[in-house]
């Protein structure tokens, strides 16, 4: 199993994280990044962060009109970012790397973990309680804001690419070989759930404790209405075999998913998915991360430092110039 896992990680790094040129910035004006961005998170309509290659962290305080590079202190790939308010946030990635800020990213500090693994996703419920996942079925948990991290057993030997919690008790982690692992006690115990497929899953989103979405390679989308007791495949109508990298919902009705040259939206709870309108041709742009700000903004990031914004929950997108 571990030989297959190593091969999967290698393919993931080659396909999902293609190397680009190093970044640079002028003293008074941010030079647009030439490297991939993989994750974006907004805690308000004005304050947001995006992370990617070479330890890149971009930050805006005016709703994406302007972006500034923050000094992460690392050149390692950052795969995921999560903030709980305008000050407290975490970013994770290769290394292993767990970075924390308590001042909105003015300063970032490395948090220690004994696990020597590639970390892929971070999810915090509040300023104290959070989870990180990665290769070898790794699940790390903290209840002191990352001052200390402890291992939880996901019960699987697979790369976990994403973790999502509906509340402090109910969460899901997904990854390669069709892996789904769930917890109903805050991670004290994790139980594998039967997905019915062997596709690699890149993303999961818990709308609530019963309503959960998963997406991944081969344009696959799974949905459960009973907390994962049963999973059903959803036909998005995409009509081509591509990887979907992230799926997010603002509420039970409105959601967005993105992937290789595609971005789709739903406004009827996933019953139907439609291609989003964009001001930029998306056919050859790899889109890795999508997220909602609390009220009306939607954000998406991808290859070569691309950032997109939507003001109608993903129906239409505009490229952000920075």
Foldseek 3Di string as FASTA:
>chain_A
DVVVQVVVVVVCCVPVAPDDDDADQDPVAGDFFQFFWFAKDAAAQFWIWIFFAQGWIWIGRGNQQGIDTACQVGRFTWAEKDAQHQFWIWIAFAPGFIWIGRGNRNDIDTFDDPDRFTWAYKDAQHQAWIWTFFAQQWIWITRGNRNDIDTFHQPDGHTWHYKEAQHQFWIWTFFAQGWIWIGRGNRNDIHTADQPGGFTWREKYDLHQFWIWTFFFQGWIWIGRGNRNDIDTACAVPPGGFTWAYKYALHQAWIWIFAALFIWIGRGRRNYIDTAAEPDRSNHWGWRYKDAHNPFKIWTTGGRNWIWIDRHRRNYIYTRDD
